[in-house]
Amino acid sequence: MAGKVSTKTTTVKQQKISTKKALELYKNTLNFNVISRYDPQIKQLLFNTSHCVLYKFNDDEEEWVKSDYQGTLALYLRDFQVPAQGTIPSYQDLQTLFCYGLILLNRNNPECFSIGLLPNKVSTHFFPNGLNSNLGVSEMCAELNDNLIIIKNLLGDIYGLWIFNEDERDKLFKLIEFCLNNTSSIF
């Protein structure tokens, strides 16, 4: 019995990528590579914007002071490390515990600004009295106020991020809120 063998040819369509998409991928790759020089623990770039200006709140004067930091801002996921069970984590342990990073690649000088973000569930677990018991800050917080994304870190410092594009500002704020309020278990 002679059988007829059918051959199927699979045609692979080459998908053309738009110039805009190619430029975005290239920009993200460059940003990832630059950030990895400052923080080798970077795992995934979550968000970036081309222009951000950093302000710091001066408690004594009760006013915002524009810093010398401005440039590309990126939010990224970090390869973090949970301290061993039963140990009291130190300030140094905190550096490896940060799950997310926020970095401003400064155009004004070689020094960049960065801040680690830690879900509040994690910070209250490991630092229930805060890093400085005099301050009692055991959670980071963020709020959107006028044109600034305001972030208070675990040391009580308050920073304002000014991003020109309102849509990008809103998107970044929602991502920061997610990072801080994420209830996924990392233990």
N, C-alpha and C. Protein backbone atom coordinates (compact mmCIF):
# COMPACT_ATOMS: atom_id res chain seq x y z
N MET A 1 0.84 -1.15 0.00
CA MET A 1 0.00 0.00 0.00
C MET A 1 0.90 1.23 0.00
N ALA A 2 0.78 1.97 -0.99
CA ALA A 2 1.59 3.17 -1.11
C ALA A 2 0.87 4.32 -0.46
N GLY A 3 1.53 4.99 0.43
CA GLY A 3 0.93 6.14 1.12
C GLY A 3 1.49 7.44 0.58
N LYS A 4 0.65 8.38 0.64
CA LYS A 4 1.06 9.69 0.18
C LYS A 4 1.53 10.50 1.39
N VAL A 5 2.71 10.96 1.32
CA VAL A 5 3.28 11.74 2.41
C VAL A 5 3.00 13.22 2.15
N SER A 6 2.39 13.83 3.13
CA SER A 6 2.05 15.25 2.98
C SER A 6 3.10 16.08 3.69
N THR A 7 3.57 17.04 3.04
CA THR A 7 4.54 17.94 3.67
C THR A 7 3.91 19.31 3.85
N LYS A 8 4.06 19.78 5.04
CA LYS A 8 3.54 21.12 5.34
C LYS A 8 4.72 22.06 5.45
N THR A 9 4.56 23.14 4.84
CA THR A 9 5.60 24.16 5.00
C THR A 9 5.07 25.23 5.94
N THR A 10 5.86 25.45 6.92
CA THR A 10 5.48 26.47 7.88
C THR A 10 6.14 27.78 7.46
N THR A 11 5.32 28.73 7.28
CA THR A 11 5.84 30.03 6.91
C THR A 11 5.94 30.88 8.17
N VAL A 12 7.12 31.32 8.44
CA VAL A 12 7.33 32.18 9.58
C VAL A 12 7.29 33.61 9.08
N LYS A 13 6.35 34.33 9.58
CA LYS A 13 6.25 35.73 9.19
C LYS A 13 7.25 36.53 10.00
N GLN A 14 7.98 37.31 9.31
CA GLN A 14 8.88 38.19 10.02
C GLN A 14 8.08 39.41 10.44
N GLN A 15 8.07 39.62 11.74
CA GLN A 15 7.35 40.77 12.24
C GLN A 15 8.25 41.97 12.21
N LYS A 16 7.75 43.00 11.61
CA LYS A 16 8.51 44.23 11.59
C LYS A 16 8.22 44.99 12.86
N ILE A 17 9.26 45.51 13.41
CA ILE A 17 9.12 46.28 14.64
C ILE A 17 9.20 47.76 14.24
N SER A 18 8.34 48.53 14.81
CA SER A 18 8.31 49.95 14.46
C SER A 18 9.57 50.64 14.97
N THR A 19 9.91 51.73 14.33
CA THR A 19 11.07 52.50 14.74
C THR A 19 10.92 52.98 16.17
N LYS A 20 9.71 53.39 16.53
CA LYS A 20 9.45 53.88 17.89
C LYS A 20 9.67 52.77 18.91
N LYS A 21 9.17 51.56 18.62
CA LYS A 21 9.33 50.43 19.54
C LYS A 21 10.81 50.02 19.64
N ALA A 22 11.51 50.03 18.50
CA ALA A 22 12.93 49.68 18.51
C ALA A 22 13.72 50.67 19.33
N LEU A 23 13.40 51.95 19.21
CA LEU A 23 14.09 52.97 19.99
C LEU A 23 13.81 52.80 21.48
N GLU A 24 12.56 52.46 21.83
CA GLU A 24 12.20 52.24 23.23
C GLU A 24 12.95 51.05 23.81
N LEU A 25 13.05 49.95 23.05
CA LEU A 25 13.80 48.77 23.51
C LEU A 25 15.28 49.10 23.69
N TYR A 26 15.82 49.86 22.76
CA TYR A 26 17.23 50.25 22.84
C TYR A 26 17.47 51.12 24.07
N LYS A 27 16.58 52.08 24.31
CA LYS A 27 16.69 52.98 25.46
C LYS A 27 16.61 52.18 26.76
N ASN A 28 15.66 51.24 26.84
CA ASN A 28 15.52 50.41 28.05
C ASN A 28 16.76 49.56 28.29
N THR A 29 17.33 49.03 27.22
CA THR A 29 18.54 48.21 27.35
C THR A 29 19.71 49.06 27.85
N LEU A 30 19.85 50.25 27.29
CA LEU A 30 20.92 51.15 27.75
C LEU A 30 20.73 51.51 29.22
N ASN A 31 19.49 51.87 29.60
CA ASN A 31 19.22 52.22 30.99
C ASN A 31 19.51 51.05 31.92
N PHE A 32 19.10 49.85 31.53
CA PHE A 32 19.37 48.66 32.34
C PHE A 32 20.87 48.49 32.54
N ASN A 33 21.63 48.62 31.46
CA ASN A 33 23.08 48.43 31.54
C ASN A 33 23.75 49.49 32.42
N VAL A 34 23.32 50.74 32.29
CA VAL A 34 23.89 51.81 33.12
C VAL A 34 23.54 51.58 34.59
N ILE A 35 22.28 51.25 34.88
CA ILE A 35 21.86 51.03 36.26
C ILE A 35 22.61 49.86 36.88
N SER A 36 22.88 48.83 36.08
CA SER A 36 23.59 47.66 36.61
C SER A 36 25.00 48.00 37.08
N ARG A 37 25.56 49.09 36.59
CA ARG A 37 26.87 49.54 37.09
C ARG A 37 26.76 50.11 38.50
N TYR A 38 25.62 50.75 38.80
CA TYR A 38 25.40 51.32 40.12
C TYR A 38 24.82 50.29 41.09
N ASP A 39 23.96 49.43 40.57
CA ASP A 39 23.32 48.41 41.41
C ASP A 39 23.31 47.09 40.65
N PRO A 40 24.32 46.23 40.87
CA PRO A 40 24.39 44.97 40.15
C PRO A 40 23.24 44.01 40.48
N GLN A 41 22.43 44.35 41.48
CA GLN A 41 21.30 43.49 41.87
C GLN A 41 20.05 43.74 41.02
N ILE A 42 20.11 44.62 40.03
CA ILE A 42 18.96 44.89 39.18
C ILE A 42 18.54 43.61 38.45
N LYS A 43 17.23 43.33 38.48
CA LYS A 43 16.69 42.16 37.77
C LYS A 43 15.84 42.57 36.58
N GLN A 44 15.02 43.60 36.78
CA GLN A 44 14.09 43.98 35.72
C GLN A 44 13.76 45.46 35.83
N LEU A 45 13.81 46.14 34.72
CA LEU A 45 13.43 47.54 34.67
C LEU A 45 11.91 47.60 34.62
N LEU A 46 11.30 48.32 35.57
CA LEU A 46 9.84 48.41 35.64
C LEU A 46 9.31 49.69 35.01
N PHE A 47 10.07 50.77 35.11
CA PHE A 47 9.60 52.06 34.61
C PHE A 47 10.79 52.99 34.45
N ASN A 48 10.74 53.84 33.45
CA ASN A 48 11.72 54.92 33.37
C ASN A 48 11.11 56.12 32.67
N THR A 49 11.62 57.27 33.02
CA THR A 49 11.20 58.52 32.42
C THR A 49 12.45 59.32 32.13
N SER A 50 12.41 60.11 31.08
CA SER A 50 13.63 60.78 30.64
C SER A 50 14.01 62.00 31.48
N HIS A 51 13.04 62.60 32.20
CA HIS A 51 13.43 63.78 32.97
C HIS A 51 12.69 63.85 34.30
N CYS A 52 13.48 63.92 35.35
CA CYS A 52 12.96 64.06 36.71
C CYS A 52 13.88 65.01 37.47
N VAL A 53 13.29 65.80 38.35
CA VAL A 53 14.06 66.69 39.22
C VAL A 53 13.76 66.27 40.66
N LEU A 54 14.79 66.19 41.47
CA LEU A 54 14.66 65.77 42.86
C LEU A 54 14.64 66.98 43.79
N TYR A 55 13.67 66.98 44.71
CA TYR A 55 13.58 67.98 45.77
C TYR A 55 13.69 67.25 47.10
N LYS A 56 14.20 67.93 48.10
CA LYS A 56 14.27 67.37 49.46
C LYS A 56 13.54 68.35 50.38
N PHE A 57 12.76 67.79 51.30
CA PHE A 57 12.02 68.63 52.22
C PHE A 57 12.91 69.01 53.39
N ASN A 58 13.02 70.31 53.65
CA ASN A 58 13.80 70.82 54.76
C ASN A 58 12.86 71.01 55.94
N ASP A 59 13.00 70.17 56.97
CA ASP A 59 12.12 70.22 58.15
C ASP A 59 12.24 71.54 58.91
N ASP A 60 13.46 72.05 59.02
CA ASP A 60 13.68 73.28 59.79
C ASP A 60 12.97 74.48 59.15
N GLU A 61 13.10 74.59 57.83
CA GLU A 61 12.50 75.71 57.12
C GLU A 61 11.08 75.40 56.64
N GLU A 62 10.70 74.13 56.73
CA GLU A 62 9.40 73.64 56.24
C GLU A 62 9.14 74.06 54.80
N GLU A 63 10.14 73.73 53.95
CA GLU A 63 9.99 74.05 52.53
C GLU A 63 10.78 73.04 51.69
N TRP A 64 10.40 72.97 50.43
CA TRP A 64 11.08 72.10 49.49
C TRP A 64 12.32 72.80 48.96
N VAL A 65 13.42 72.07 48.90
CA VAL A 65 14.67 72.60 48.37
C VAL A 65 15.05 71.77 47.14
N LYS A 66 15.24 72.46 46.04
CA LYS A 66 15.63 71.78 44.80
C LYS A 66 17.06 71.28 44.95
N SER A 67 17.27 70.02 44.62
CA SER A 67 18.61 69.43 44.72
C SER A 67 19.35 69.62 43.40
N ASP A 68 20.54 69.13 43.34
CA ASP A 68 21.35 69.19 42.13
C ASP A 68 21.18 67.91 41.29
N TYR A 69 20.15 67.13 41.61
CA TYR A 69 19.91 65.88 40.90
C TYR A 69 18.76 66.05 39.91
N GLN A 70 19.07 65.80 38.64
CA GLN A 70 18.02 65.75 37.63
C GLN A 70 18.51 64.93 36.44
N GLY A 71 17.59 64.23 35.84
CA GLY A 71 17.94 63.38 34.70
C GLY A 71 16.95 62.24 34.57
N THR A 72 17.41 61.14 34.01
CA THR A 72 16.58 59.96 33.80
C THR A 72 16.31 59.28 35.14
N LEU A 73 15.05 58.93 35.36
CA LEU A 73 14.65 58.24 36.59
C LEU A 73 14.15 56.85 36.21
N ALA A 74 14.54 55.85 36.99
CA ALA A 74 14.11 54.48 36.72
C ALA A 74 13.70 53.79 38.02
N LEU A 75 12.66 52.98 37.91
CA LEU A 75 12.21 52.11 39.00
C LEU A 75 12.48 50.69 38.52
N TYR A 76 13.07 49.87 39.38
CA TYR A 76 13.43 48.52 38.95
C TYR A 76 13.28 47.51 40.08
N LEU A 77 13.14 46.27 39.69
CA LEU A 77 13.08 45.14 40.61
C LEU A 77 14.50 44.70 40.89
N ARG A 78 14.80 44.39 42.17
CA ARG A 78 16.14 43.97 42.58
C ARG A 78 16.15 42.49 42.97
N ASP A 79 17.29 41.89 42.85
CA ASP A 79 17.51 40.54 43.35
C ASP A 79 17.86 40.70 44.83
N PHE A 80 16.87 40.53 45.69
CA PHE A 80 17.05 40.80 47.12
C PHE A 80 17.37 39.53 47.88
N GLN A 81 17.80 39.71 49.11
CA GLN A 81 18.18 38.58 49.96
C GLN A 81 17.57 38.77 51.35
N VAL A 82 16.77 37.81 51.78
CA VAL A 82 16.12 37.86 53.09
C VAL A 82 17.12 37.39 54.14
N PRO A 83 17.26 38.14 55.26
CA PRO A 83 18.18 37.72 56.33
C PRO A 83 17.79 36.35 56.89
N ALA A 84 18.76 35.67 57.45
CA ALA A 84 18.53 34.34 58.03
C ALA A 84 17.48 34.43 59.14
N GLN A 85 16.66 33.39 59.21
CA GLN A 85 15.60 33.32 60.23
C GLN A 85 16.21 33.38 61.63
N GLY A 86 15.58 34.17 62.49
CA GLY A 86 16.01 34.26 63.87
C GLY A 86 17.12 35.26 64.14
N THR A 87 17.61 35.92 63.09
CA THR A 87 18.65 36.94 63.30
C THR A 87 18.01 38.32 63.27
N ILE A 88 18.61 39.22 63.99
CA ILE A 88 18.14 40.61 63.97
C ILE A 88 18.91 41.30 62.86
N PRO A 89 18.19 41.74 61.82
CA PRO A 89 18.89 42.34 60.68
C PRO A 89 19.53 43.68 61.04
N SER A 90 20.66 43.92 60.43
CA SER A 90 21.38 45.17 60.64
C SER A 90 21.05 46.14 59.52
N TYR A 91 21.57 47.35 59.63
CA TYR A 91 21.41 48.35 58.58
C TYR A 91 22.01 47.82 57.27
N GLN A 92 23.14 47.10 57.35
CA GLN A 92 23.77 46.53 56.17
C GLN A 92 22.87 45.48 55.52
N ASP A 93 22.17 44.69 56.35
CA ASP A 93 21.23 43.70 55.81
C ASP A 93 20.13 44.38 55.01
N LEU A 94 19.77 45.57 55.43
CA LEU A 94 18.73 46.32 54.73
C LEU A 94 19.13 46.58 53.29
N GLN A 95 20.40 46.82 53.05
CA GLN A 95 20.87 47.10 51.69
C GLN A 95 20.62 45.92 50.75
N THR A 96 20.67 44.71 51.27
CA THR A 96 20.41 43.53 50.43
C THR A 96 18.95 43.11 50.47
N LEU A 97 18.18 43.68 51.39
CA LEU A 97 16.78 43.33 51.54
C LEU A 97 15.85 44.15 50.63
N PHE A 98 16.30 45.32 50.18
CA PHE A 98 15.45 46.15 49.32
C PHE A 98 15.00 45.36 48.10
N CYS A 99 13.70 45.30 47.89
CA CYS A 99 13.13 44.55 46.77
C CYS A 99 13.11 45.37 45.48
N TYR A 100 13.03 46.68 45.64
CA TYR A 100 12.93 47.58 44.49
C TYR A 100 13.94 48.71 44.66
N GLY A 101 14.33 49.28 43.55
CA GLY A 101 15.23 50.42 43.58
C GLY A 101 14.69 51.55 42.72
N LEU A 102 14.99 52.74 43.14
CA LEU A 102 14.62 53.94 42.40
C LEU A 102 15.92 54.72 42.24
N ILE A 103 16.31 55.00 40.99
CA ILE A 103 17.57 55.69 40.76
C ILE A 103 17.36 56.84 39.78
N LEU A 104 17.99 57.96 40.10
CA LEU A 104 17.97 59.12 39.23
C LEU A 104 19.38 59.26 38.67
N LEU A 105 19.52 59.01 37.37
CA LEU A 105 20.82 59.10 36.71
C LEU A 105 21.07 60.58 36.41
N ASN A 106 21.95 61.17 37.18
CA ASN A 106 22.13 62.62 37.21
C ASN A 106 22.85 63.15 35.97
N ARG A 107 22.26 64.17 35.37
CA ARG A 107 22.89 64.83 34.23
C ARG A 107 23.83 65.95 34.67
N ASN A 108 23.68 66.42 35.91
CA ASN A 108 24.46 67.58 36.37
C ASN A 108 25.85 67.22 36.87
N ASN A 109 26.01 66.03 37.41
CA ASN A 109 27.34 65.58 37.86
C ASN A 109 27.33 64.06 37.94
N PRO A 110 28.49 63.44 38.16
CA PRO A 110 28.57 61.97 38.13
C PRO A 110 27.83 61.26 39.27
N GLU A 111 27.52 61.96 40.34
CA GLU A 111 26.86 61.33 41.48
C GLU A 111 25.36 61.19 41.20
N CYS A 112 24.84 59.99 41.37
CA CYS A 112 23.43 59.72 41.14
C CYS A 112 22.70 59.59 42.48
N PHE A 113 21.38 59.76 42.45
CA PHE A 113 20.56 59.60 43.64
C PHE A 113 19.84 58.27 43.54
N SER A 114 19.84 57.51 44.64
CA SER A 114 19.08 56.26 44.64
C SER A 114 18.44 56.05 46.00
N ILE A 115 17.35 55.32 45.97
CA ILE A 115 16.65 54.98 47.20
C ILE A 115 16.09 53.57 47.02
N GLY A 116 16.28 52.75 48.05
CA GLY A 116 15.72 51.40 48.02
C GLY A 116 14.28 51.44 48.52
N LEU A 117 13.43 50.64 47.90
CA LEU A 117 12.04 50.54 48.32
C LEU A 117 11.79 49.15 48.87
N LEU A 118 11.09 49.11 49.97
CA LEU A 118 10.81 47.86 50.66
C LEU A 118 9.32 47.80 50.96
N PRO A 119 8.66 46.70 50.58
CA PRO A 119 7.24 46.61 50.93
C PRO A 119 7.05 46.81 52.44
N ASN A 120 6.03 47.56 52.80
CA ASN A 120 5.81 47.88 54.22
C ASN A 120 5.60 46.63 55.07
N LYS A 121 5.03 45.60 54.49
CA LYS A 121 4.86 44.34 55.22
C LYS A 121 6.23 43.79 55.65
N VAL A 122 7.21 43.94 54.79
CA VAL A 122 8.55 43.43 55.08
C VAL A 122 9.26 44.32 56.09
N SER A 123 9.17 45.64 55.90
CA SER A 123 9.89 46.53 56.82
C SER A 123 9.32 46.46 58.24
N THR A 124 8.01 46.34 58.37
CA THR A 124 7.44 46.23 59.73
C THR A 124 7.77 44.88 60.36
N HIS A 125 7.97 43.86 59.53
CA HIS A 125 8.35 42.55 60.06
C HIS A 125 9.78 42.59 60.61
N PHE A 126 10.71 43.14 59.83
CA PHE A 126 12.12 43.13 60.23
C PHE A 126 12.51 44.31 61.11
N PHE A 127 11.83 45.44 60.93
CA PHE A 127 12.16 46.65 61.69
C PHE A 127 10.90 47.23 62.32
N PRO A 128 10.28 46.51 63.27
CA PRO A 128 9.00 46.97 63.84
C PRO A 128 9.10 48.32 64.55
N ASN A 129 10.28 48.67 65.05
CA ASN A 129 10.47 49.97 65.71
C ASN A 129 11.17 50.98 64.80
N GLY A 130 11.35 50.62 63.54
CA GLY A 130 12.06 51.48 62.61
C GLY A 130 13.55 51.29 62.70
N LEU A 131 14.28 51.95 61.82
CA LEU A 131 15.74 51.86 61.84
C LEU A 131 16.32 52.69 62.96
N ASN A 132 15.66 53.78 63.26
CA ASN A 132 16.08 54.66 64.34
C ASN A 132 14.91 54.72 65.31
N SER A 133 15.07 54.11 66.48
CA SER A 133 13.95 54.03 67.43
C SER A 133 13.47 55.40 67.89
N ASN A 134 14.30 56.43 67.75
CA ASN A 134 13.87 57.78 68.11
C ASN A 134 12.83 58.31 67.12
N LEU A 135 12.95 57.89 65.86
CA LEU A 135 12.01 58.35 64.84
C LEU A 135 10.74 57.52 64.81
N GLY A 136 10.88 56.22 65.04
CA GLY A 136 9.73 55.32 65.01
C GLY A 136 9.13 55.13 63.63
N VAL A 137 9.91 55.33 62.58
CA VAL A 137 9.42 55.15 61.21
C VAL A 137 9.66 53.70 60.81
N SER A 138 8.59 52.92 60.74
CA SER A 138 8.75 51.50 60.39
C SER A 138 8.23 51.19 58.98
N GLU A 139 7.66 52.19 58.32
CA GLU A 139 7.16 52.00 56.96
C GLU A 139 7.52 53.19 56.09
N MET A 140 7.74 52.90 54.82
CA MET A 140 7.93 53.97 53.85
C MET A 140 6.55 54.38 53.37
N CYS A 141 6.44 55.62 52.91
CA CYS A 141 5.15 56.03 52.36
C CYS A 141 5.37 56.92 51.15
N ALA A 142 4.35 56.97 50.31
CA ALA A 142 4.39 57.81 49.11
C ALA A 142 3.04 58.46 48.94
N GLU A 143 3.06 59.66 48.42
CA GLU A 143 1.82 60.35 48.11
C GLU A 143 2.03 61.23 46.89
N LEU A 144 0.95 61.51 46.22
CA LEU A 144 0.99 62.39 45.06
C LEU A 144 0.37 63.70 45.49
N ASN A 145 1.18 64.76 45.43
CA ASN A 145 0.73 66.07 45.90
C ASN A 145 1.08 67.10 44.83
N ASP A 146 0.07 67.67 44.22
CA ASP A 146 0.26 68.63 43.13
C ASP A 146 1.14 67.99 42.05
N ASN A 147 2.33 68.52 41.86
CA ASN A 147 3.20 68.01 40.80
C ASN A 147 4.34 67.15 41.32
N LEU A 148 4.30 66.76 42.59
CA LEU A 148 5.38 65.96 43.17
C LEU A 148 4.90 64.59 43.63
N ILE A 149 5.75 63.60 43.41
CA ILE A 149 5.57 62.31 44.07
C ILE A 149 6.44 62.42 45.32
N ILE A 150 5.82 62.32 46.47
CA ILE A 150 6.53 62.49 47.74
C ILE A 150 6.79 61.12 48.35
N ILE A 151 8.05 60.88 48.69
CA ILE A 151 8.46 59.61 49.28
C ILE A 151 9.15 59.87 50.61
N LYS A 152 8.71 59.18 51.65
CA LYS A 152 9.37 59.25 52.96
C LYS A 152 10.05 57.91 53.18
N ASN A 153 11.37 57.93 53.39
CA ASN A 153 12.11 56.69 53.55
C ASN A 153 12.13 56.23 55.01
N LEU A 154 12.80 55.14 55.28
CA LEU A 154 12.83 54.56 56.62
C LEU A 154 13.67 55.37 57.61
N LEU A 155 14.43 56.33 57.11
CA LEU A 155 15.22 57.20 57.99
C LEU A 155 14.48 58.50 58.27
N GLY A 156 13.27 58.64 57.70
CA GLY A 156 12.48 59.84 57.93
C GLY A 156 12.74 60.96 56.94
N ASP A 157 13.65 60.75 55.98
CA ASP A 157 13.92 61.75 54.95
C ASP A 157 12.74 61.82 53.99
N ILE A 158 12.43 63.04 53.54
CA ILE A 158 11.30 63.22 52.63
C ILE A 158 11.82 63.81 51.32
N TYR A 159 11.51 63.12 50.23
CA TYR A 159 11.95 63.54 48.90
C TYR A 159 10.74 63.78 48.01
N GLY A 160 10.89 64.71 47.09
CA GLY A 160 9.86 64.98 46.10
C GLY A 160 10.43 64.75 44.71
N LEU A 161 9.71 63.99 43.90
CA LEU A 161 10.11 63.72 42.52
C LEU A 161 9.20 64.51 41.59
N TRP A 162 9.78 65.43 40.84
CA TRP A 162 9.00 66.20 39.87
C TRP A 162 9.23 65.61 38.50
N ILE A 163 8.15 65.17 37.88
CA ILE A 163 8.20 64.62 36.53
C ILE A 163 7.27 65.46 35.68
N PHE A 164 7.79 65.97 34.57
CA PHE A 164 7.03 66.89 33.73
C PHE A 164 5.74 66.26 33.20
N ASN A 165 5.85 65.07 32.64
CA ASN A 165 4.70 64.41 32.01
C ASN A 165 3.76 63.87 33.08
N GLU A 166 2.54 64.40 33.10
CA GLU A 166 1.56 64.02 34.14
C GLU A 166 1.20 62.54 34.09
N ASP A 167 1.05 61.98 32.88
CA ASP A 167 0.72 60.55 32.76
C ASP A 167 1.83 59.68 33.33
N GLU A 168 3.07 60.04 33.03
CA GLU A 168 4.21 59.29 33.57
C GLU A 168 4.29 59.44 35.09
N ARG A 169 4.01 60.64 35.58
CA ARG A 169 4.02 60.89 37.03
C ARG A 169 2.98 60.02 37.72
N ASP A 170 1.76 59.97 37.16
CA ASP A 170 0.70 59.14 37.74
C ASP A 170 1.06 57.65 37.70
N LYS A 171 1.61 57.23 36.58
CA LYS A 171 1.98 55.81 36.43
C LYS A 171 3.07 55.43 37.44
N LEU A 172 4.09 56.29 37.57
CA LEU A 172 5.16 56.00 38.53
C LEU A 172 4.63 55.96 39.95
N PHE A 173 3.76 56.90 40.30
CA PHE A 173 3.20 56.92 41.64
C PHE A 173 2.46 55.62 41.94
N LYS A 174 1.65 55.15 40.99
CA LYS A 174 0.91 53.90 41.20
C LYS A 174 1.86 52.72 41.35
N LEU A 175 2.94 52.72 40.59
CA LEU A 175 3.93 51.64 40.71
C LEU A 175 4.64 51.68 42.07
N ILE A 176 4.99 52.88 42.53
CA ILE A 176 5.64 53.00 43.85
C ILE A 176 4.69 52.55 44.94
N GLU A 177 3.43 52.96 44.84
CA GLU A 177 2.43 52.51 45.83
C GLU A 177 2.34 50.99 45.83
N PHE A 178 2.33 50.38 44.65
CA PHE A 178 2.28 48.92 44.57
C PHE A 178 3.51 48.31 45.25
N CYS A 179 4.68 48.86 44.95
CA CYS A 179 5.92 48.33 45.56
C CYS A 179 5.87 48.40 47.07
N LEU A 180 5.34 49.48 47.61
CA LEU A 180 5.30 49.65 49.08
C LEU A 180 4.18 48.86 49.74
N ASN A 181 3.09 48.67 49.03
CA ASN A 181 1.92 48.02 49.63
C ASN A 181 1.70 46.59 49.16
N ASN A 182 2.65 46.08 48.41
CA ASN A 182 2.58 44.71 47.91
C ASN A 182 2.52 43.74 49.08
N THR A 183 1.53 42.87 49.07
CA THR A 183 1.36 41.92 50.19
C THR A 183 1.84 40.52 49.85
N SER A 184 2.50 40.36 48.72
CA SER A 184 3.06 39.05 48.37
C SER A 184 4.08 38.64 49.43
N SER A 185 4.11 37.38 49.71
CA SER A 185 5.04 36.90 50.73
C SER A 185 6.40 36.66 50.12
N ILE A 186 7.44 37.21 50.74
CA ILE A 186 8.81 36.96 50.29
C ILE A 186 9.56 36.12 51.31
N PHE A 187 8.91 35.75 52.37
CA PHE A 187 9.57 34.96 53.42
C PHE A 187 9.56 33.50 53.08
